[in-house]
């Protein structure tokens, strides 16, 4: 079975409280609206992962929870990986290479510029992943360890302002 990876950048975050660390920034109003809307869009296309892996940063985890809710995945099943926070594409690849092979379709919630870099590492065509965007990539392998540069094919790139209904 081919592996499928859904890269999702966290929804729009709030910069209002200067006292908060970057790690603890929450989603803003638009982010809280975009996350369930994007999750619903993916669901309508039958793109629902078997596992969610997320950065533990508040904005990424909150985004993951909105998606989990729409996908009816229990919140306790969200796997936190601290390596995703502020990660380079190379670090993210290492996270992906160590994903559990019992799952063929996994959603990874993280941050830019790492996610955009990673999407381009697999199938280089995305200038920028805006907040709450999703890149759905398929790989011709049945083992996450086999995934490397130029081995993926982007099946979908969608984001809140893409104009789709």
Protein backbone atom coordinates (compact mmCIF):
# COMPACT_ATOMS: atom_id res chain seq x y z
CA UNK A 1 0.00 0.00 0.00
CA UNK A 2 1.37 3.43 -0.93
CA UNK A 3 2.06 5.84 1.92
CA UNK A 4 0.13 9.10 1.93
CA UNK A 5 1.17 12.16 3.91
CA UNK A 6 -0.91 15.20 4.63
CA UNK A 7 1.22 18.22 5.56
CA UNK A 8 -0.85 20.86 7.34
CA UNK A 9 0.47 24.23 8.43
CA UNK A 10 -1.09 25.57 11.62
CA UNK A 11 -3.95 28.02 11.23
CA UNK A 12 -3.52 31.79 11.64
CA UNK A 13 -2.11 32.62 15.06
CA UNK A 14 -2.57 35.59 17.33
CA UNK A 15 0.31 38.04 17.77
CA UNK A 16 -1.69 40.23 20.20
CA UNK A 17 0.05 39.28 23.43
CA UNK A 18 3.72 40.30 23.30
CA UNK A 19 4.31 38.55 26.63
CA UNK A 20 3.65 35.11 25.19
CA UNK A 21 6.48 32.97 23.87
CA UNK A 22 6.29 31.94 20.23
CA UNK A 23 5.56 28.37 21.37
CA UNK A 24 2.48 29.49 23.34
CA UNK A 25 0.79 31.69 20.73
CA UNK A 26 -2.90 30.76 20.30
CA UNK A 27 -4.98 30.82 17.12
CA UNK A 28 -6.75 34.05 16.24
CA UNK A 29 -10.40 34.33 15.21
CA UNK A 30 -9.67 33.63 11.54
CA UNK A 31 -7.54 30.63 12.45
CA UNK A 32 -10.35 29.16 14.54
CA UNK A 33 -12.71 29.55 11.57
CA UNK A 34 -10.30 28.26 8.91
CA UNK A 35 -9.27 25.04 10.69
CA UNK A 36 -12.69 23.33 10.82
CA UNK A 37 -13.50 24.62 7.32
CA UNK A 38 -10.31 23.11 5.85
CA UNK A 39 -10.84 19.84 7.75
CA UNK A 40 -14.34 19.64 6.30
CA UNK A 41 -13.00 20.30 2.78
CA UNK A 42 -10.55 17.42 3.13
CA UNK A 43 -13.25 15.14 4.54
CA UNK A 44 -15.49 15.83 1.53
CA UNK A 45 -12.60 14.66 -0.68
CA UNK A 46 -12.31 11.50 1.45
CA UNK A 47 -8.90 12.61 2.73
CA UNK A 48 -8.92 11.46 6.35
CA UNK A 49 -5.74 10.18 8.00
CA UNK A 50 -5.38 7.15 10.23
CA UNK A 51 -3.04 9.05 12.55
CA UNK A 52 -2.32 12.67 13.45
CA UNK A 53 1.21 13.77 14.39
CA UNK A 54 1.61 17.35 15.60
CA UNK A 55 4.07 19.89 16.84
CA UNK A 56 3.32 20.54 20.53
CA UNK A 57 3.28 24.33 19.95
CA UNK A 58 -0.15 25.64 20.96
CA UNK A 59 -1.16 26.95 17.51
CA UNK A 60 -0.25 23.68 15.77
CA UNK A 61 -1.86 21.46 18.39
CA UNK A 62 -5.04 23.56 18.45
CA UNK A 63 -5.23 23.30 14.65
CA UNK A 64 -4.72 19.52 14.89
CA UNK A 65 -7.54 19.30 17.45
CA UNK A 66 -9.97 21.11 15.14
CA UNK A 67 -9.11 18.66 12.35
CA UNK A 68 -9.28 15.64 14.69
CA UNK A 69 -12.74 16.73 15.78
CA UNK A 70 -13.99 16.94 12.19
CA UNK A 71 -12.32 13.64 11.29
CA UNK A 72 -13.71 11.98 14.45
CA UNK A 73 -10.26 11.01 15.68
CA UNK A 74 -10.03 10.97 19.50
CA UNK A 75 -7.86 13.83 20.80
CA UNK A 76 -5.89 11.35 22.89
CA UNK A 77 -4.73 9.74 19.63
CA UNK A 78 -2.88 12.89 18.52
CA UNK A 79 0.81 12.06 18.73
CA UNK A 80 3.01 14.98 19.79
CA UNK A 81 6.52 15.23 18.34
CA UNK A 82 8.61 18.08 19.74
CA UNK A 83 11.04 17.70 16.78
CA UNK A 84 8.41 19.27 14.48
CA UNK A 85 8.55 22.66 16.21
CA UNK A 86 10.91 25.04 14.34
CA UNK A 87 12.14 22.07 12.29
CA UNK A 88 14.00 22.22 9.00
CA UNK A 89 12.84 20.10 6.08
CA UNK A 90 15.64 17.62 6.91
CA UNK A 91 14.48 17.25 10.52
CA UNK A 92 10.88 16.80 9.34
CA UNK A 93 12.03 14.10 6.92
CA UNK A 94 13.60 12.27 9.85
CA UNK A 95 10.26 12.46 11.72
CA UNK A 96 8.48 11.04 8.64
CA UNK A 97 11.04 8.27 8.15
CA UNK A 98 10.29 7.13 11.69
CA UNK A 99 6.49 7.09 11.42
CA UNK A 100 4.66 3.88 12.31
CA UNK A 101 4.27 1.60 9.27
CA UNK A 102 0.94 0.27 10.51
CA UNK A 103 -0.49 3.60 9.26
CA UNK A 104 -0.61 4.30 5.52
CA UNK A 105 -2.17 7.77 5.75
CA UNK A 106 -0.82 10.26 8.30
CA UNK A 107 -1.41 13.98 8.84
CA UNK A 108 1.51 16.04 10.13
CA UNK A 109 0.76 19.46 11.66
CA UNK A 110 3.63 21.92 11.78
CA UNK A 111 5.17 25.24 10.84
CA UNK A 112 6.82 27.21 8.07
CA UNK A 113 9.36 27.50 6.58
CA UNK A 114 9.99 23.80 7.29
CA UNK A 115 6.71 22.49 5.84
CA UNK A 116 6.98 24.42 2.56
CA UNK A 117 10.60 23.28 2.26
CA UNK A 118 9.56 19.69 2.88
CA UNK A 119 6.72 19.79 0.33
CA UNK A 120 9.18 21.08 -2.27
CA UNK A 121 11.75 18.46 -1.28
CA UNK A 122 9.24 15.77 -2.28
CA UNK A 123 7.67 17.40 -5.35
CA UNK A 124 9.00 20.92 -5.84
CA UNK A 125 6.17 23.15 -6.92
CA UNK A 126 4.86 25.10 -3.93
CA UNK A 127 6.02 28.68 -3.36
CA UNK A 128 4.55 28.97 0.10
CA UNK A 129 2.17 27.05 2.31
CA UNK A 130 -0.13 29.73 3.77
CA UNK A 131 -1.58 29.28 7.24
CA UNK A 132 -3.98 26.31 7.49
CA UNK A 133 -2.97 25.02 4.06
CA UNK A 134 -2.80 21.32 3.28
CA UNK A 135 -0.50 19.45 0.91
CA UNK A 136 -1.50 15.85 0.25
CA UNK A 137 1.39 13.75 -1.04
CA UNK A 138 1.52 10.12 -2.14
CA UNK A 139 4.65 7.96 -2.12
CA UNK A 140 5.11 4.67 -4.03
CA UNK A 141 6.39 2.85 -0.93
CA UNK A 142 4.93 0.77 1.87
CA UNK A 143 7.64 1.84 4.33
CA UNK A 144 8.02 5.40 5.68
CA UNK A 145 11.82 4.86 5.83
CA UNK A 146 11.94 4.74 2.00
CA UNK A 147 10.71 8.31 1.61
CA UNK A 148 13.33 10.77 0.40
CA UNK A 149 13.87 13.63 -2.08
CA UNK A 150 11.68 13.70 -5.19
CA UNK A 151 9.83 10.50 -4.26
CA UNK A 152 6.42 12.07 -3.65
CA UNK A 153 3.62 13.20 -5.90
CA UNK A 154 1.40 16.08 -4.75
CA UNK A 155 -2.22 15.00 -5.14
CA UNK A 156 -3.73 18.16 -3.62
CA UNK A 157 -2.65 21.61 -2.46
CA UNK A 158 -5.44 23.55 -0.81
CA UNK A 159 -5.63 26.56 1.50
CA UNK A 160 -8.40 28.74 2.97
CA UNK A 161 -8.25 31.50 0.34
CA UNK A 162 -7.93 29.16 -2.67
CA UNK A 163 -11.46 30.09 -3.72
CA UNK A 164 -12.87 26.59 -3.55
CA UNK A 165 -16.24 26.01 -1.92
